Protein backbone atom coordinates (compact mmCIF):
# COMPACT_ATOMS: atom_id res chain seq x y z
CA MET A 1 94.35 -105.90 42.77
CA GLU A 2 92.65 -106.75 39.48
CA SER A 3 95.74 -105.61 37.54
CA LYS A 4 97.80 -108.59 39.07
CA GLY A 5 95.28 -111.15 37.83
CA PHE A 6 93.45 -111.44 41.14
CA LYS A 7 89.69 -110.66 40.95
CA LEU A 8 87.54 -110.29 43.93
CA SER A 9 83.81 -110.85 43.75
CA ARG A 10 82.22 -107.96 45.69
CA THR A 11 78.85 -109.77 45.73
CA LYS A 12 80.04 -113.20 46.89
CA THR A 13 82.76 -112.14 49.39
CA LYS A 14 82.01 -112.86 53.08
CA TYR A 15 84.17 -113.24 56.18
CA LEU A 16 84.35 -115.40 59.33
CA GLU A 17 85.70 -114.01 62.57
CA CYS A 18 87.38 -116.62 64.72
CA LYS A 19 87.42 -116.01 68.39
CA PHE A 20 89.63 -118.80 69.86
CA SER A 21 90.65 -117.10 73.09
CA GLY A 22 87.92 -116.61 75.76
CA ALA A 23 88.52 -112.82 75.82
CA THR A 24 86.08 -110.66 73.96
CA GLN A 25 87.03 -107.15 72.97
CA GLY A 26 83.41 -105.90 73.05
CA VAL A 27 83.91 -103.71 69.98
CA GLU A 28 82.12 -104.95 66.88
CA SER A 29 83.81 -103.67 63.82
CA GLU A 30 82.70 -103.76 60.17
CA VAL A 31 84.95 -105.15 57.40
CA GLY A 32 84.75 -103.15 54.19
CA LEU A 33 86.01 -103.10 50.73
CA ASP A 34 86.07 -99.56 49.37
CA SER A 35 82.64 -98.26 50.46
CA GLN A 36 81.02 -101.70 50.55
CA VAL A 37 80.43 -103.52 53.88
CA ILE A 38 81.43 -107.22 53.59
CA PRO A 39 78.78 -109.50 55.49
CA ARG A 40 80.02 -111.68 58.32
CA ARG A 41 79.26 -115.47 58.40
CA GLY A 42 78.94 -117.82 61.26
CA SER A 43 80.38 -120.72 59.38
CA PHE A 44 81.64 -121.66 55.92
CA LYS A 45 82.73 -124.77 54.04
CA TYR A 46 86.50 -125.20 53.35
CA LEU A 47 88.04 -128.32 51.82
CA GLY A 48 85.00 -130.43 52.73
CA SER A 49 84.84 -129.27 56.30
CA ILE A 50 82.60 -126.78 57.99
CA ILE A 51 84.61 -124.11 59.75
CA GLN A 52 82.70 -122.28 62.55
CA GLY A 53 83.78 -119.10 64.30
CA GLY A 54 84.10 -120.44 67.89
CA GLU A 55 85.39 -123.71 69.28
CA GLU A 56 82.19 -125.59 68.36
CA ILE A 57 82.11 -128.40 65.58
CA ASP A 58 78.44 -129.23 65.71
CA GLU A 59 77.87 -128.21 62.11
CA ASP A 60 80.84 -130.23 60.93
CA VAL A 61 79.65 -133.23 62.89
CA THR A 62 76.32 -133.14 61.23
CA HIS A 63 77.92 -132.60 57.88
CA CYS A 64 80.14 -135.68 58.28
CA ILE A 65 77.19 -137.87 59.36
CA GLY A 66 75.36 -136.69 56.27
CA ALA A 67 78.26 -137.64 54.03
CA GLY A 68 78.40 -141.07 55.67
CA TRP A 69 74.61 -141.50 54.95
CA ILE A 70 75.05 -140.48 51.33
CA LYS A 71 77.83 -143.08 50.90
CA TRP A 72 75.59 -145.69 52.80
CA ARG A 73 72.59 -144.92 50.37
CA LEU A 74 74.82 -145.19 47.36
CA ASP A 75 76.15 -148.54 48.49
CA SER A 76 72.81 -149.99 50.02
CA GLY A 77 72.53 -152.36 47.23
CA VAL A 78 75.57 -154.30 48.66
CA LEU A 79 74.89 -153.54 52.22
CA CYS A 80 71.25 -154.56 52.32
CA ASP A 81 71.72 -157.64 49.94
CA LYS A 82 70.84 -160.81 51.85
CA LYS A 83 73.16 -162.75 49.47
CA VAL A 84 76.28 -160.92 50.67
CA PRO A 85 77.93 -162.40 53.71
CA PRO A 86 77.99 -160.19 56.91
CA LYS A 87 81.82 -160.31 57.07
CA LEU A 88 82.02 -158.88 53.64
CA LYS A 89 79.47 -156.13 54.54
CA GLY A 90 81.64 -155.22 57.48
CA MET A 91 84.70 -154.91 55.37
CA PHE A 92 82.75 -152.85 52.86
CA ASP A 93 81.45 -150.54 55.60
CA ARG A 94 84.98 -150.03 57.01
CA ALA A 95 86.42 -149.41 53.59
CA VAL A 96 83.78 -147.02 52.14
CA VAL A 97 81.27 -145.65 54.71
CA ARG A 98 83.50 -144.99 57.76
CA PRO A 99 86.17 -143.11 55.76
CA ALA A 100 83.51 -140.81 54.22
CA MET A 101 82.19 -140.10 57.81
CA LEU A 102 85.70 -139.54 59.49
CA TYR A 103 87.36 -137.45 56.73
CA GLY A 104 88.83 -134.40 58.27
CA THR A 105 88.02 -135.37 61.94
CA GLU A 106 91.73 -135.71 63.02
CA CYS A 107 91.90 -132.21 64.25
CA TRP A 108 88.48 -131.85 65.95
CA PRO A 109 88.29 -130.68 69.44
CA VAL A 110 85.97 -133.57 70.27
CA LYS A 111 83.32 -133.56 73.04
CA SER A 112 81.50 -136.71 74.21
CA SER A 113 78.26 -135.45 72.72
CA ASN A 114 79.93 -135.34 69.30
CA VAL A 115 81.25 -138.87 69.71
CA GLN A 116 77.81 -140.05 70.75
CA LYS A 117 76.29 -138.51 67.62
CA MET A 118 78.81 -140.35 65.47
CA LYS A 119 78.18 -143.66 67.28
CA VAL A 120 74.42 -143.34 66.97
CA ALA A 121 74.65 -142.61 63.20
CA GLU A 122 77.00 -145.64 62.70
CA MET A 123 74.73 -147.94 64.77
CA LYS A 124 71.73 -146.95 62.55
CA MET A 125 73.67 -147.69 59.41
CA LEU A 126 74.72 -151.10 60.71
CA ARG A 127 71.19 -152.03 61.62
């Protein structure tokens, strides 16, 4: 593979097995490259989202809430300033903080507990 310009790091390479169907095969196989066994991961970050092996999205929800808090902290000078009108703060929140929290959520298999976590985080920010 290295002759074609593709170089694979043997120390950094890991894999994630996704089991989307409810059926389990019961056989745990190892993935290897030559004689080296490649370690399995439970989740990984891809294009700003946390991909998990099953149908769960809890890590991604936590990550998006954290991204929203980071944006809120960066912009807290405007959001916490008493001189800025509340209407402008709301517009600022909808234009900056919410998109950071909701990036990549369009294809989530959402549960009510995930929606509740997002609502709780938003209400804390608005207070």
